Amino acid sequence: MTNKEENIFDKFYFSNTLDLATAFWVFGVFGSVVAGFIFGYLSEAIHWVFTWVYFAIILQIIIALGACAETHKKKKLKNKESAVWAYLTLIYCGLGFLGLVKEVIFFF
Protein backbone atom coordinates (compact mmCIF):
# COMPACT_ATOMS: atom_id res chain seq x y z
CA MET A 1 0.00 0.00 0.00
CA THR A 2 1.46 3.36 -0.98
CA ASN A 3 1.47 6.40 1.20
CA LYS A 4 -0.33 9.18 -0.66
CA GLU A 5 -0.58 12.79 0.39
CA GLU A 6 -3.91 13.83 1.89
CA ASN A 7 -6.04 16.30 -0.03
CA ILE A 8 -7.73 19.30 1.57
CA PHE A 9 -10.93 17.38 2.36
CA ASP A 10 -9.06 14.54 4.06
CA LYS A 11 -7.03 17.01 6.11
CA PHE A 12 -10.23 18.80 7.18
CA TYR A 13 -12.69 15.96 7.73
CA PHE A 14 -10.56 12.99 8.76
CA SER A 15 -7.20 13.96 10.21
CA ASN A 16 -7.98 17.52 11.36
CA THR A 17 -4.51 18.63 10.22
CA LEU A 18 -5.63 21.40 7.89
CA ASP A 19 -4.31 24.76 9.07
CA LEU A 20 -6.91 26.74 10.98
CA ALA A 21 -7.08 29.75 8.66
CA THR A 22 -7.77 27.59 5.61
CA ALA A 23 -10.26 25.43 7.49
CA PHE A 24 -12.12 28.48 8.78
CA TRP A 25 -12.31 30.45 5.53
CA VAL A 26 -12.67 27.63 2.99
CA PHE A 27 -15.06 25.38 4.90
CA GLY A 28 -16.42 27.44 7.81
CA VAL A 29 -17.31 30.52 5.78
CA PHE A 30 -17.23 29.84 2.04
CA GLY A 31 -18.38 26.22 2.23
CA SER A 32 -21.26 27.10 4.54
CA VAL A 33 -22.43 29.91 2.27
CA VAL A 34 -22.27 27.73 -0.85
CA ALA A 35 -24.12 24.90 0.92
CA GLY A 36 -26.75 27.40 2.09
CA PHE A 37 -27.37 28.71 -1.42
CA ILE A 38 -27.44 25.30 -3.07
CA PHE A 39 -29.56 23.46 -0.53
CA GLY A 40 -31.78 26.46 0.12
CA TYR A 41 -32.61 26.56 -3.56
CA LEU A 42 -33.11 22.79 -3.79
CA SER A 43 -35.31 22.85 -0.71
CA GLU A 44 -37.59 25.49 -2.21
CA ALA A 45 -37.52 24.23 -5.80
CA ILE A 46 -37.67 20.48 -5.34
CA HIS A 47 -38.41 19.19 -1.84
CA TRP A 48 -38.03 20.25 1.79
CA VAL A 49 -35.90 17.16 2.54
CA PHE A 50 -32.89 19.10 1.20
CA THR A 51 -33.14 21.26 4.31
CA TRP A 52 -32.16 18.20 6.37
CA VAL A 53 -29.23 17.55 4.04
CA TYR A 54 -28.14 21.15 4.64
CA PHE A 55 -28.42 20.70 8.41
CA ALA A 56 -26.29 17.54 8.21
CA ILE A 57 -23.60 19.23 6.11
CA ILE A 58 -23.41 22.26 8.39
CA LEU A 59 -23.22 20.04 11.47
CA GLN A 60 -20.32 18.12 9.89
CA ILE A 61 -18.53 21.38 9.04
CA ILE A 62 -18.96 22.63 12.62
CA ILE A 63 -17.62 19.37 14.09
CA ALA A 64 -14.61 19.21 11.76
CA LEU A 65 -13.83 22.92 12.18
CA GLY A 66 -13.93 22.49 15.96
CA ALA A 67 -11.55 19.53 15.68
CA CYS A 68 -9.14 21.59 13.55
CA ALA A 69 -9.32 24.37 16.14
CA GLU A 70 -8.50 21.87 18.91
CA THR A 71 -5.50 20.59 16.94
CA HIS A 72 -4.35 24.18 16.37
CA LYS A 73 -4.81 25.00 20.06
CA LYS A 74 -2.74 22.01 21.18
CA LYS A 75 0.10 22.94 18.81
CA LYS A 76 0.12 26.56 19.97
CA LEU A 77 -0.01 25.71 23.66
CA LYS A 78 2.75 23.11 23.23
CA ASN A 79 4.96 25.82 21.67
CA LYS A 80 3.91 28.30 24.38
CA GLU A 81 2.28 30.58 21.80
CA SER A 82 -1.07 32.34 21.78
CA ALA A 83 -4.03 30.14 20.89
CA VAL A 84 -6.51 33.01 20.63
CA TRP A 85 -7.60 32.09 17.08
CA ALA A 86 -8.37 28.56 18.17
CA TYR A 87 -10.49 29.83 21.06
CA LEU A 88 -12.33 32.28 18.80
CA THR A 89 -12.97 29.53 16.26
CA LEU A 90 -14.35 27.28 19.01
CA ILE A 91 -16.69 30.10 20.07
CA TYR A 92 -17.73 30.49 16.41
CA CYS A 93 -18.44 26.73 16.26
CA GLY A 94 -20.46 26.88 19.48
CA LEU A 95 -22.56 29.77 18.25
CA GLY A 96 -22.99 28.05 14.89
CA PHE A 97 -24.19 24.91 16.64
CA LEU A 98 -26.67 26.89 18.74
CA GLY A 99 -27.94 28.61 15.58
CA LEU A 100 -28.31 25.25 13.88
CA VAL A 101 -30.27 23.86 16.82
CA LYS A 102 -32.53 26.92 16.74
CA GLU A 103 -33.14 26.41 13.01
CA VAL A 104 -33.93 22.72 13.48
CA ILE A 105 -36.39 23.54 16.30
CA PHE A 106 -38.14 26.24 14.29
CA PHE A 107 -38.15 24.09 11.15
CA PHE A 108 -40.94 22.08 12.70
C-alpha atoms as a PDB file:
ATOM      1  CA  MET A   1       0.000   0.000   0.000  1.00  0.00           C
ATOM      2  CA  THR A   2       1.456   3.355  -0.981  1.00  0.00           C
ATOM      3  CA  ASN A   3       1.470   6.398   1.205  1.00  0.00           C
ATOM      4  CA  LYS A   4      -0.331   9.177  -0.664  1.00  0.00           C
ATOM      5  CA  GLU A   5      -0.582  12.790   0.391  1.00  0.00           C
ATOM      6  CA  GLU A   6      -3.908  13.827   1.886  1.00  0.00           C
ATOM      7  CA  ASN A   7      -6.042  16.301  -0.027  1.00  0.00           C
ATOM      8  CA  ILE A   8      -7.726  19.300   1.574  1.00  0.00           C
ATOM      9  CA  PHE A   9     -10.930  17.381   2.358  1.00  0.00           C
ATOM     10  CA  ASP A  10      -9.056  14.539   4.063  1.00  0.00           C
ATOM     11  CA  LYS A  11      -7.030  17.010   6.115  1.00  0.00           C
ATOM     12  CA  PHE A  12     -10.226  18.796   7.179  1.00  0.00           C
ATOM     13  CA  TYR A  13     -12.686  15.956   7.733  1.00  0.00           C
ATOM     14  CA  PHE A  14     -10.563  12.990   8.756  1.00  0.00           C
ATOM     15  CA  SER A  15      -7.197  13.962  10.213  1.00  0.00           C
ATOM     16  CA  ASN A  16      -7.977  17.525  11.364  1.00  0.00           C
ATOM     17  CA  THR A  17      -4.513  18.626  10.223  1.00  0.00           C
ATOM     18  CA  LEU A  18      -5.631  21.405   7.894  1.00  0.00           C
ATOM     19  CA  ASP A  19      -4.307  24.763   9.075  1.00  0.00           C
ATOM     20  CA  LEU A  20      -6.905  26.735  10.984  1.00  0.00           C
ATOM     21  CA  ALA A  21      -7.075  29.751   8.657  1.00  0.00           C
ATOM     22  CA  THR A  22      -7.768  27.592   5.609  1.00  0.00           C
ATOM     23  CA  ALA A  23     -10.260  25.428   7.491  1.00  0.00           C
ATOM     24  CA  PHE A  24     -12.123  28.477   8.781  1.00  0.00           C
ATOM     25  CA  TRP A  25     -12.308  30.451   5.526  1.00  0.00           C
ATOM     26  CA  VAL A  26     -12.673  27.629   2.992  1.00  0.00           C
ATOM     27  CA  PHE A  27     -15.056  25.377   4.905  1.00  0.00           C
ATOM     28  CA  GLY A  28     -16.421  27.435   7.813  1.00  0.00           C
ATOM     29  CA  VAL A  29     -17.314  30.517   5.778  1.00  0.00           C
ATOM     30  CA  PHE A  30     -17.227  29.839   2.035  1.00  0.00           C
ATOM     31  CA  GLY A  31     -18.381  26.216   2.233  1.00  0.00           C
ATOM     32  CA  SER A  32     -21.260  27.096   4.539  1.00  0.00           C
ATOM     33  CA  VAL A  33     -22.429  29.908   2.266  1.00  0.00           C
ATOM     34  CA  VAL A  34     -22.268  27.730  -0.847  1.00  0.00           C
ATOM     35  CA  ALA A  35     -24.120  24.900   0.917  1.00  0.00           C
ATOM     36  CA  GLY A  36     -26.754  27.400   2.090  1.00  0.00           C
ATOM     37  CA  PHE A  37     -27.368  28.710  -1.422  1.00  0.00           C
ATOM     38  CA  ILE A  38     -27.437  25.298  -3.074  1.00  0.00           C
ATOM     39  CA  PHE A  39     -29.563  23.462  -0.529  1.00  0.00           C
ATOM     40  CA  GLY A  40     -31.785  26.464   0.122  1.00  0.00           C
ATOM     41  CA  TYR A  41     -32.613  26.561  -3.563  1.00  0.00           C
ATOM     42  CA  LEU A  42     -33.106  22.788  -3.787  1.00  0.00           C
ATOM     43  CA  SER A  43     -35.312  22.845  -0.711  1.00  0.00           C
ATOM     44  CA  GLU A  44     -37.591  25.494  -2.215  1.00  0.00           C
ATOM     45  CA  ALA A  45     -37.524  24.229  -5.796  1.00  0.00           C
ATOM     46  CA  ILE A  46     -37.671  20.476  -5.345  1.00  0.00           C
ATOM     47  CA  HIS A  47     -38.406  19.189  -1.841  1.00  0.00           C
ATOM     48  CA  TRP A  48     -38.028  20.250   1.791  1.00  0.00           C
ATOM     49  CA  VAL A  49     -35.899  17.162   2.538  1.00  0.00           C
ATOM     50  CA  PHE A  50     -32.888  19.099   1.196  1.00  0.00           C
ATOM     51  CA  THR A  51     -33.143  21.259   4.308  1.00  0.00           C
ATOM     52  CA  TRP A  52     -32.162  18.201   6.370  1.00  0.00           C
ATOM     53  CA  VAL A  53     -29.232  17.554   4.043  1.00  0.00           C
ATOM     54  CA  TYR A  54     -28.141  21.148   4.636  1.00  0.00           C
ATOM     55  CA  PHE A  55     -28.424  20.698   8.412  1.00  0.00           C
ATOM     56  CA  ALA A  56     -26.289  17.541   8.215  1.00  0.00           C
ATOM     57  CA  ILE A  57     -23.601  19.230   6.114  1.00  0.00           C
ATOM     58  CA  ILE A  58     -23.409  22.262   8.391  1.00  0.00           C
ATOM     59  CA  LEU A  59     -23.215  20.037  11.469  1.00  0.00           C
ATOM     60  CA  GLN A  60     -20.323  18.122   9.889  1.00  0.00           C
ATOM     61  CA  ILE A  61     -18.534  21.375   9.039  1.00  0.00           C
ATOM     62  CA  ILE A  62     -18.957  22.631  12.623  1.00  0.00           C
ATOM     63  CA  ILE A  63     -17.619  19.372  14.091  1.00  0.00           C
ATOM     64  CA  ALA A  64     -14.612  19.207  11.756  1.00  0.00           C
ATOM     65  CA  LEU A  65     -13.830  22.916  12.185  1.00  0.00           C
ATOM     66  CA  GLY A  66     -13.932  22.492  15.956  1.00  0.00           C
ATOM     67  CA  ALA A  67     -11.552  19.532  15.684  1.00  0.00           C
ATOM     68  CA  CYS A  68      -9.141  21.591  13.550  1.00  0.00           C
ATOM     69  CA  ALA A  69      -9.324  24.367  16.144  1.00  0.00           C
ATOM     70  CA  GLU A  70      -8.502  21.871  18.909  1.00  0.00           C
ATOM     71  CA  THR A  71      -5.497  20.593  16.941  1.00  0.00           C
ATOM     72  CA  HIS A  72      -4.351  24.180  16.372  1.00  0.00           C
ATOM     73  CA  LYS A  73      -4.814  24.998  20.063  1.00  0.00           C
ATOM     74  CA  LYS A  74      -2.739  22.007  21.175  1.00  0.00           C
ATOM     75  CA  LYS A  75       0.097  22.945  18.814  1.00  0.00           C
ATOM     76  CA  LYS A  76       0.119  26.556  19.967  1.00  0.00           C
ATOM     77  CA  LEU A  77      -0.012  25.707  23.661  1.00  0.00           C
ATOM     78  CA  LYS A  78       2.754  23.115  23.233  1.00  0.00           C
ATOM     79  CA  ASN A  79       4.959  25.818  21.668  1.00  0.00           C
ATOM     80  CA  LYS A  80       3.907  28.300  24.381  1.00  0.00           C
ATOM     81  CA  GLU A  81       2.280  30.583  21.804  1.00  0.00           C
ATOM     82  CA  SER A  82      -1.068  32.344  21.783  1.00  0.00           C
ATOM     83  CA  ALA A  83      -4.031  30.138  20.892  1.00  0.00           C
ATOM     84  CA  VAL A  84      -6.507  33.008  20.627  1.00  0.00           C
ATOM     85  CA  TRP A  85      -7.605  32.091  17.077  1.00  0.00           C
ATOM     86  CA  ALA A  86      -8.367  28.556  18.167  1.00  0.00           C
ATOM     87  CA  TYR A  87     -10.490  29.829  21.056  1.00  0.00           C
ATOM     88  CA  LEU A  88     -12.328  32.282  18.804  1.00  0.00           C
ATOM     89  CA  THR A  89     -12.974  29.528  16.264  1.00  0.00           C
ATOM     90  CA  LEU A  90     -14.352  27.283  19.008  1.00  0.00           C
ATOM     91  CA  ILE A  91     -16.694  30.098  20.068  1.00  0.00           C
ATOM     92  CA  TYR A  92     -17.734  30.485  16.410  1.00  0.00           C
ATOM     93  CA  CYS A  93     -18.442  26.734  16.257  1.00  0.00           C
ATOM     94  CA  GLY A  94     -20.461  26.878  19.482  1.00  0.00           C
ATOM     95  CA  LEU A  95     -22.559  29.772  18.248  1.00  0.00           C
ATOM     96  CA  GLY A  96     -22.988  28.049  14.885  1.00  0.00           C
ATOM     97  CA  PHE A  97     -24.192  24.909  16.639  1.00  0.00           C
ATOM     98  CA  LEU A  98     -26.675  26.891  18.741  1.00  0.00           C
ATOM     99  CA  GLY A  99     -27.944  28.610  15.584  1.00  0.00           C
ATOM    100  CA  LEU A 100     -28.313  25.249  13.879  1.00  0.00           C
ATOM    101  CA  VAL A 101     -30.269  23.856  16.822  1.00  0.00           C
ATOM    102  CA  LYS A 102     -32.532  26.922  16.738  1.00  0.00           C
ATOM    103  CA  GLU A 103     -33.141  26.412  13.008  1.00  0.00           C
ATOM    104  CA  VAL A 104     -33.935  22.722  13.484  1.00  0.00           C
ATOM    105  CA  ILE A 105     -36.394  23.537  16.300  1.00  0.00           C
ATOM    106  CA  PHE A 106     -38.141  26.239  14.286  1.00  0.00           C
ATOM    107  CA  PHE A 107     -38.150  24.094  11.149  1.00  0.00           C
ATOM    108  CA  PHE A 108     -40.935  22.082  12.698  1.00  0.00           C
END
